[in-house]
Structure formats: structure tokens, C-alpha cells
Amino acid sequence: MEISTIKERISNVLTSILEHSNFEMHDELTAKDVDGWDSLSHMMIITKIEEEFGIRFKLRELNKLKNMGALVSLVQSKA
């Protein structure tokens, strides 16, 4: 799956969970850069991404994620 498609689908997930699109999707994006992205919404985002792509993350994979670029790479490796 192409990275641009993955980024677009993840962006749609963020927009639907956070109920806004006041962020710019880029590889260095982190939760602290986005209004409303707290621990509860983080769990909802991860769950929705798993559903969206039909994949499952392992806890150790999630713990290693540093930014959006790492998440996109992880999704690409599993999709």
C-alpha cells in the first residue's frame, strides 16, 4: 500500500476521533502537536487504525513509535 494512501486514511481517522482537522499531517507529527489528542483519544485512534487497515498492533510496537512517520511505516509493514 502506498504511503500517501496510508497517510490519508490515518488523517481521516484522526479527524473523525478528534472532531477537527487543525493539524498538518507530516512524519514528525506527535500527539502533543495536536489539540485534543490525549491518552483516551490515543487509544481510540489506535483501535480505529487497526479496524481501518485490518491489522493488529503489539504493545511493544506501539511503545516504540516516536511520531507519525514511524506509525505510517508500521502500518505499511502490516498492511
PDB file of N, CA and C in Angstrom:
ATOM      1  N   MET A   1       0.854  -1.182   0.000  1.00  0.00           N
ATOM      2  CA  MET A   1       0.000   0.000   0.000  1.00  0.00           C
ATOM      3  C   MET A   1       0.898   1.243   0.000  1.00  0.00           C
ATOM      4  N   GLU A   2       0.487   2.247  -0.748  1.00  0.00           N
ATOM      5  CA  GLU A   2       1.288   3.456  -0.874  1.00  0.00           C
ATOM      6  C   GLU A   2       1.213   4.319   0.383  1.00  0.00           C
ATOM      7  N   ILE A   3       2.323   4.974   0.684  1.00  0.00           N
ATOM      8  CA  ILE A   3       2.417   5.808   1.878  1.00  0.00           C
ATOM      9  C   ILE A   3       1.386   6.936   1.847  1.00  0.00           C
ATOM     10  N   SER A   4       1.165   7.532   0.685  1.00  0.00           N
ATOM     11  CA  SER A   4       0.201   8.632   0.598  1.00  0.00           C
ATOM     12  C   SER A   4      -1.204   8.163   0.954  1.00  0.00           C
ATOM     13  N   THR A   5      -1.556   6.948   0.552  1.00  0.00           N
ATOM     14  CA  THR A   5      -2.873   6.381   0.886  1.00  0.00           C
ATOM     15  C   THR A   5      -2.976   6.131   2.385  1.00  0.00           C
ATOM     16  N   ILE A   6      -1.916   5.583   2.963  1.00  0.00           N
ATOM     17  CA  ILE A   6      -1.909   5.311   4.400  1.00  0.00           C
ATOM     18  C   ILE A   6      -2.066   6.619   5.176  1.00  0.00           C
ATOM     19  N   LYS A   7      -1.297   7.640   4.792  1.00  0.00           N
ATOM     20  CA  LYS A   7      -1.372   8.933   5.478  1.00  0.00           C
ATOM     21  C   LYS A   7      -2.767   9.539   5.373  1.00  0.00           C
ATOM     22  N   GLU A   8      -3.372   9.436   4.213  1.00  0.00           N
ATOM     23  CA  GLU A   8      -4.717   9.987   4.031  1.00  0.00           C
ATOM     24  C   GLU A   8      -5.728   9.268   4.920  1.00  0.00           C
ATOM     25  N   ARG A   9      -5.640   7.951   4.972  1.00  0.00           N
ATOM     26  CA  ARG A   9      -6.581   7.179   5.791  1.00  0.00           C
ATOM     27  C   ARG A   9      -6.362   7.435   7.280  1.00  0.00           C
ATOM     28  N   ILE A  10      -5.096   7.563   7.703  1.00  0.00           N
ATOM     29  CA  ILE A  10      -4.815   7.876   9.111  1.00  0.00           C
ATOM     30  C   ILE A  10      -5.309   9.280   9.438  1.00  0.00           C
ATOM     31  N   SER A  11      -5.105  10.218   8.534  1.00  0.00           N
ATOM     32  CA  SER A  11      -5.595  11.576   8.737  1.00  0.00           C
ATOM     33  C   SER A  11      -7.113  11.591   8.911  1.00  0.00           C
ATOM     34  N   ASN A  12      -7.815  10.793   8.122  1.00  0.00           N
ATOM     35  CA  ASN A  12      -9.270  10.691   8.258  1.00  0.00           C
ATOM     36  C   ASN A  12      -9.661  10.130   9.615  1.00  0.00           C
ATOM     37  N   VAL A  13      -8.896   9.158  10.114  1.00  0.00           N
ATOM     38  CA  VAL A  13      -9.155   8.596  11.449  1.00  0.00           C
ATOM     39  C   VAL A  13      -8.966   9.685  12.506  1.00  0.00           C
ATOM     40  N   LEU A  14      -7.867  10.415  12.420  1.00  0.00           N
ATOM     41  CA  LEU A  14      -7.613  11.486  13.396  1.00  0.00           C
ATOM     42  C   LEU A  14      -8.734  12.515  13.380  1.00  0.00           C
ATOM     43  N   THR A  15      -9.140  12.915  12.182  1.00  0.00           N
ATOM     44  CA  THR A  15     -10.205  13.907  12.051  1.00  0.00           C
ATOM     45  C   THR A  15     -11.509  13.407  12.661  1.00  0.00           C
ATOM     46  N   SER A  16     -11.835  12.139  12.444  1.00  0.00           N
ATOM     47  CA  SER A  16     -13.103  11.620  12.969  1.00  0.00           C
ATOM     48  C   SER A  16     -13.073  11.465  14.490  1.00  0.00           C
ATOM     49  N   ILE A  17     -11.958  11.047  15.055  1.00  0.00           N
ATOM     50  CA  ILE A  17     -11.865  10.859  16.509  1.00  0.00           C
ATOM     51  C   ILE A  17     -11.753  12.206  17.223  1.00  0.00           C
ATOM     52  N   LEU A  18     -10.898  13.077  16.719  1.00  0.00           N
ATOM     53  CA  LEU A  18     -10.640  14.358  17.380  1.00  0.00           C
ATOM     54  C   LEU A  18     -11.673  15.428  17.033  1.00  0.00           C
ATOM     55  N   GLU A  19     -12.477  15.149  16.006  1.00  0.00           N
ATOM     56  CA  GLU A  19     -13.547  16.040  15.552  1.00  0.00           C
ATOM     57  C   GLU A  19     -13.029  17.404  15.100  1.00  0.00           C
ATOM     58  N   HIS A  20     -11.824  17.417  14.532  1.00  0.00           N
ATOM     59  CA  HIS A  20     -11.280  18.620  13.906  1.00  0.00           C
ATOM     60  C   HIS A  20     -10.126  18.202  12.997  1.00  0.00           C
ATOM     61  N   SER A  21      -9.740  19.107  12.122  1.00  0.00           N
ATOM     62  CA  SER A  21      -8.612  18.836  11.230  1.00  0.00           C
ATOM     63  C   SER A  21      -7.577  19.951  11.337  1.00  0.00           C
ATOM     64  N   ASN A  22      -7.419  20.476  12.553  1.00  0.00           N
ATOM     65  CA  ASN A  22      -6.482  21.568  12.805  1.00  0.00           C
ATOM     66  C   ASN A  22      -5.064  21.044  13.028  1.00  0.00           C
ATOM     67  N   PHE A  23      -4.580  20.248  12.095  1.00  0.00           N
ATOM     68  CA  PHE A  23      -3.224  19.722  12.171  1.00  0.00           C
ATOM     69  C   PHE A  23      -2.737  19.477  10.755  1.00  0.00           C
ATOM     70  N   GLU A  24      -1.434  19.501  10.593  1.00  0.00           N
ATOM     71  CA  GLU A  24      -0.829  19.208   9.299  1.00  0.00           C
ATOM     72  C   GLU A  24      -0.181  17.834   9.399  1.00  0.00           C
ATOM     73  N   MET A  25      -0.597  16.942   8.538  1.00  0.00           N
ATOM     74  CA  MET A  25      -0.079  15.583   8.553  1.00  0.00           C
ATOM     75  C   MET A  25       1.342  15.573   8.001  1.00  0.00           C
ATOM     76  N   HIS A  26       2.318  15.210   8.834  1.00  0.00           N
ATOM     77  CA  HIS A  26       3.710  15.082   8.406  1.00  0.00           C
ATOM     78  C   HIS A  26       4.409  14.048   9.283  1.00  0.00           C
ATOM     79  N   ASP A  27       5.555  13.583   8.848  1.00  0.00           N
ATOM     80  CA  ASP A  27       6.241  12.483   9.524  1.00  0.00           C
ATOM     81  C   ASP A  27       6.641  12.800  10.956  1.00  0.00           C
ATOM     82  N   GLU A  28       6.908  14.042  11.272  1.00  0.00           N
ATOM     83  CA  GLU A  28       7.352  14.421  12.621  1.00  0.00           C
ATOM     84  C   GLU A  28       6.199  14.725  13.572  1.00  0.00           C
ATOM     85  N   LEU A  29       4.960  14.612  13.105  1.00  0.00           N
ATOM     86  CA  LEU A  29       3.789  14.907  13.924  1.00  0.00           C
ATOM     87  C   LEU A  29       3.714  13.961  15.120  1.00  0.00           C
ATOM     88  N   THR A  30       3.453  14.516  16.310  1.00  0.00           N
ATOM     89  CA  THR A  30       3.256  13.711  17.513  1.00  0.00           C
ATOM     90  C   THR A  30       1.944  14.131  18.179  1.00  0.00           C
ATOM     91  N   ALA A  31       1.508  13.350  19.133  1.00  0.00           N
ATOM     92  CA  ALA A  31       0.248  13.629  19.823  1.00  0.00           C
ATOM     93  C   ALA A  31       0.265  15.008  20.484  1.00  0.00           C
ATOM     94  N   LYS A  32       1.400  15.406  21.020  1.00  0.00           N
ATOM     95  CA  LYS A  32       1.456  16.702  21.709  1.00  0.00           C
ATOM     96  C   LYS A  32       1.285  17.882  20.755  1.00  0.00           C
ATOM     97  N   ASP A  33       1.429  17.640  19.458  1.00  0.00           N
ATOM     98  CA  ASP A  33       1.265  18.694  18.454  1.00  0.00           C
ATOM     99  C   ASP A  33      -0.191  18.924  18.059  1.00  0.00           C
ATOM    100  N   VAL A  34      -1.096  18.052  18.504  1.00  0.00           N
ATOM    101  CA  VAL A  34      -2.486  18.091  18.037  1.00  0.00           C
ATOM    102  C   VAL A  34      -3.429  18.324  19.220  1.00  0.00           C
ATOM    103  N   ASP A  35      -4.227  19.386  19.125  1.00  0.00           N
ATOM    104  CA  ASP A  35      -5.205  19.691  20.174  1.00  0.00           C
ATOM    105  C   ASP A  35      -6.170  18.529  20.367  1.00  0.00           C
ATOM    106  N   GLY A  36      -6.375  18.139  21.618  1.00  0.00           N
ATOM    107  CA  GLY A  36      -7.349  17.106  21.943  1.00  0.00           C
ATOM    108  C   GLY A  36      -6.827  15.688  21.871  1.00  0.00           C
ATOM    109  N   TRP A  37      -5.578  15.510  21.467  1.00  0.00           N
ATOM    110  CA  TRP A  37      -5.012  14.160  21.371  1.00  0.00           C
ATOM    111  C   TRP A  37      -4.411  13.816  22.725  1.00  0.00           C
ATOM    112  N   ASP A  38      -5.240  13.220  23.582  1.00  0.00           N
ATOM    113  CA  ASP A  38      -4.805  12.820  24.914  1.00  0.00           C
ATOM    114  C   ASP A  38      -4.759  11.300  24.999  1.00  0.00           C
ATOM    115  N   SER A  39      -4.569  10.763  26.189  1.00  0.00           N
ATOM    116  CA  SER A  39      -4.404   9.314  26.332  1.00  0.00           C
ATOM    117  C   SER A  39      -5.662   8.542  25.926  1.00  0.00           C
ATOM    118  N   LEU A  40      -6.833   9.065  26.233  1.00  0.00           N
ATOM    119  CA  LEU A  40      -8.072   8.381  25.859  1.00  0.00           C
ATOM    120  C   LEU A  40      -8.268   8.406  24.343  1.00  0.00           C
ATOM    121  N   SER A  41      -8.100   9.568  23.746  1.00  0.00           N
ATOM    122  CA  SER A  41      -8.266   9.638  22.295  1.00  0.00           C
ATOM    123  C   SER A  41      -7.177   8.829  21.592  1.00  0.00           C
ATOM    124  N   HIS A  42      -6.003   8.727  22.210  1.00  0.00           N
ATOM    125  CA  HIS A  42      -4.923   7.921  21.629  1.00  0.00           C
ATOM    126  C   HIS A  42      -5.360   6.461  21.489  1.00  0.00           C
ATOM    127  N   MET A  43      -5.962   5.922  22.526  1.00  0.00           N
ATOM    128  CA  MET A  43      -6.445   4.534  22.480  1.00  0.00           C
ATOM    129  C   MET A  43      -7.521   4.377  21.401  1.00  0.00           C
ATOM    130  N   MET A  44      -8.395   5.360  21.291  1.00  0.00           N
ATOM    131  CA  MET A  44      -9.444   5.314  20.272  1.00  0.00           C
ATOM    132  C   MET A  44      -8.848   5.383  18.872  1.00  0.00           C
ATOM    133  N   ILE A  45      -7.824   6.212  18.693  1.00  0.00           N
ATOM    134  CA  ILE A  45      -7.165   6.358  17.389  1.00  0.00           C
ATOM    135  C   ILE A  45      -6.489   5.049  16.996  1.00  0.00           C
ATOM    136  N   ILE A  46      -5.751   4.444  17.906  1.00  0.00           N
ATOM    137  CA  ILE A  46      -5.055   3.190  17.611  1.00  0.00           C
ATOM    138  C   ILE A  46      -6.059   2.098  17.248  1.00  0.00           C
ATOM    139  N   THR A  47      -7.131   1.983  18.008  1.00  0.00           N
ATOM    140  CA  THR A  47      -8.165   0.984  17.735  1.00  0.00           C
ATOM    141  C   THR A  47      -8.791   1.207  16.366  1.00  0.00           C
ATOM    142  N   LYS A  48      -9.098   2.460  16.047  1.00  0.00           N
ATOM    143  CA  LYS A  48      -9.717   2.789  14.761  1.00  0.00           C
ATOM    144  C   LYS A  48      -8.755   2.519  13.604  1.00  0.00           C
ATOM    145  N   ILE A  49      -7.458   2.790  13.787  1.00  0.00           N
ATOM    146  CA  ILE A  49      -6.475   2.493  12.745  1.00  0.00           C
ATOM    147  C   ILE A  49      -6.395   0.986  12.514  1.00  0.00           C
ATOM    148  N   GLU A  50      -6.420   0.206  13.590  1.00  0.00           N
ATOM    149  CA  GLU A  50      -6.419  -1.254  13.447  1.00  0.00           C
ATOM    150  C   GLU A  50      -7.625  -1.714  12.638  1.00  0.00           C
ATOM    151  N   GLU A  51      -8.788  -1.159  12.944  1.00  0.00           N
ATOM    152  CA  GLU A  51     -10.004  -1.516  12.204  1.00  0.00           C
ATOM    153  C   GLU A  51      -9.919  -1.071  10.748  1.00  0.00           C
ATOM    154  N   GLU A  52      -9.454   0.142  10.534  1.00  0.00           N
ATOM    155  CA  GLU A  52      -9.373   0.726   9.192  1.00  0.00           C
ATOM    156  C   GLU A  52      -8.499  -0.110   8.257  1.00  0.00           C
ATOM    157  N   PHE A  53      -7.392  -0.621   8.777  1.00  0.00           N
ATOM    158  CA  PHE A  53      -6.438  -1.353   7.941  1.00  0.00           C
ATOM    159  C   PHE A  53      -6.520  -2.870   8.121  1.00  0.00           C
ATOM    160  N   GLY A  54      -7.370  -3.343   9.030  1.00  0.00           N
ATOM    161  CA  GLY A  54      -7.496  -4.777   9.257  1.00  0.00           C
ATOM    162  C   GLY A  54      -6.218  -5.391   9.819  1.00  0.00           C
ATOM    163  N   ILE A  55      -5.582  -4.660  10.737  1.00  0.00           N
ATOM    164  CA  ILE A  55      -4.331  -5.124  11.335  1.00  0.00           C
ATOM    165  C   ILE A  55      -4.436  -5.086  12.856  1.00  0.00           C
ATOM    166  N   ARG A  56      -3.453  -5.661  13.526  1.00  0.00           N
ATOM    167  CA  ARG A  56      -3.366  -5.600  14.987  1.00  0.00           C
ATOM    168  C   ARG A  56      -1.950  -5.185  15.358  1.00  0.00           C
ATOM    169  N   PHE A  57      -1.841  -4.265  16.294  1.00  0.00           N
ATOM    170  CA  PHE A  57      -0.543  -3.838  16.793  1.00  0.00           C
ATOM    171  C   PHE A  57      -0.213  -4.608  18.063  1.00  0.00           C
ATOM    172  N   LYS A  58       1.062  -4.884  18.249  1.00  0.00           N
ATOM    173  CA  LYS A  58       1.539  -5.440  19.505  1.00  0.00           C
ATOM    174  C   LYS A  58       1.933  -4.262  20.390  1.00  0.00           C
ATOM    175  N   LEU A  59       1.814  -4.447  21.703  1.00  0.00           N
ATOM    176  CA  LEU A  59       2.114  -3.376  22.642  1.00  0.00           C
ATOM    177  C   LEU A  59       3.548  -2.877  22.473  1.00  0.00           C
ATOM    178  N   ARG A  60       4.483  -3.780  22.277  1.00  0.00           N
ATOM    179  CA  ARG A  60       5.884  -3.343  22.128  1.00  0.00           C
ATOM    180  C   ARG A  60       6.088  -2.521  20.856  1.00  0.00           C
ATOM    181  N   GLU A  61       5.298  -2.799  19.812  1.00  0.00           N
ATOM    182  CA  GLU A  61       5.383  -1.988  18.589  1.00  0.00           C
ATOM    183  C   GLU A  61       4.901  -0.565  18.862  1.00  0.00           C
ATOM    184  N   LEU A  62       3.804  -0.459  19.591  1.00  0.00           N
ATOM    185  CA  LEU A  62       3.245   0.857  19.908  1.00  0.00           C
ATOM    186  C   LEU A  62       4.179   1.653  20.809  1.00  0.00           C
ATOM    187  N   ASN A  63       4.830   0.964  21.736  1.00  0.00           N
ATOM    188  CA  ASN A  63       5.749   1.646  22.653  1.00  0.00           C
ATOM    189  C   ASN A  63       6.969   2.220  21.938  1.00  0.00           C
ATOM    190  N   LYS A  64       7.327   1.655  20.794  1.00  0.00           N
ATOM    191  CA  LYS A  64       8.489   2.119  20.044  1.00  0.00           C
ATOM    192  C   LYS A  64       8.183   3.316  19.148  1.00  0.00           C
ATOM    193  N   LEU A  65       6.907   3.601  18.914  1.00  0.00           N
ATOM    194  CA  LEU A  65       6.535   4.682  18.000  1.00  0.00           C
ATOM    195  C   LEU A  65       6.936   6.042  18.566  1.00  0.00           C
ATOM    196  N   LYS A  66       7.588   6.836  17.731  1.00  0.00           N
ATOM    197  CA  LYS A  66       8.035   8.163  18.146  1.00  0.00           C
ATOM    198  C   LYS A  66       7.235   9.285  17.490  1.00  0.00           C
ATOM    199  N   ASN A  67       6.687   9.009  16.291  1.00  0.00           N
ATOM    200  CA  ASN A  67       5.980  10.056  15.550  1.00  0.00           C
ATOM    201  C   ASN A  67       5.120   9.415  14.457  1.00  0.00           C
ATOM    202  N   MET A  68       4.480  10.257  13.676  1.00  0.00           N
ATOM    203  CA  MET A  68       3.574   9.776  12.637  1.00  0.00           C
ATOM    204  C   MET A  68       4.309   8.984  11.564  1.00  0.00           C
ATOM    205  N   GLY A  69       5.522   9.385  11.230  1.00  0.00           N
ATOM    206  CA  GLY A  69       6.296   8.648  10.235  1.00  0.00           C
ATOM    207  C   GLY A  69       6.519   7.202  10.652  1.00  0.00           C
ATOM    208  N   ALA A  70       6.810   6.984  11.933  1.00  0.00           N
ATOM    209  CA  ALA A  70       7.003   5.627  12.448  1.00  0.00           C
ATOM    210  C   ALA A  70       5.700   4.841  12.398  1.00  0.00           C
ATOM    211  N   LEU A  71       4.575   5.498  12.702  1.00  0.00           N
ATOM    212  CA  LEU A  71       3.278   4.827  12.642  1.00  0.00           C
ATOM    213  C   LEU A  71       2.939   4.433  11.206  1.00  0.00           C
ATOM    214  N   VAL A  72       3.176   5.334  10.278  1.00  0.00           N
ATOM    215  CA  VAL A  72       2.898   5.043   8.860  1.00  0.00           C
ATOM    216  C   VAL A  72       3.741   3.863   8.396  1.00  0.00           C
ATOM    217  N   SER A  73       5.009   3.835   8.763  1.00  0.00           N
ATOM    218  CA  SER A  73       5.888   2.715   8.390  1.00  0.00           C
ATOM    219  C   SER A  73       5.404   1.399   8.986  1.00  0.00           C
ATOM    220  N   LEU A  74       4.955   1.440  10.237  1.00  0.00           N
ATOM    221  CA  LEU A  74       4.450   0.238  10.892  1.00  0.00           C
ATOM    222  C   LEU A  74       3.186  -0.268  10.195  1.00  0.00           C
ATOM    223  N   VAL A  75       2.275   0.640   9.887  1.00  0.00           N
ATOM    224  CA  VAL A  75       1.050   0.250   9.170  1.00  0.00           C
ATOM    225  C   VAL A  75       1.413  -0.343   7.816  1.00  0.00           C
ATOM    226  N   GLN A  76       2.328   0.294   7.109  1.00  0.00           N
ATOM    227  CA  GLN A  76       2.726  -0.196   5.787  1.00  0.00           C
ATOM    228  C   GLN A  76       3.313  -1.610   5.881  1.00  0.00           C
ATOM    229  N   SER A  77       4.068  -1.881   6.914  1.00  0.00           N
ATOM    230  CA  SER A  77       4.673  -3.210   7.064  1.00  0.00           C
ATOM    231  C   SER A  77       3.642  -4.286   7.376  1.00  0.00           C
ATOM    232  N   LYS A  78       2.496  -3.880   7.942  1.00  0.00           N
ATOM    233  CA  LYS A  78       1.469  -4.853   8.332  1.00  0.00           C
ATOM    234  C   LYS A  78       0.339  -4.973   7.308  1.00  0.00           C
ATOM    235  N   ALA A  79       0.161  -3.937   6.487  1.00  0.00           N
ATOM    236  CA  ALA A  79      -0.991  -3.928   5.564  1.00  0.00           C
ATOM    237  C   ALA A  79      -0.702  -4.763   4.313  1.00  0.00           C
TER     238      ALA A  79
END
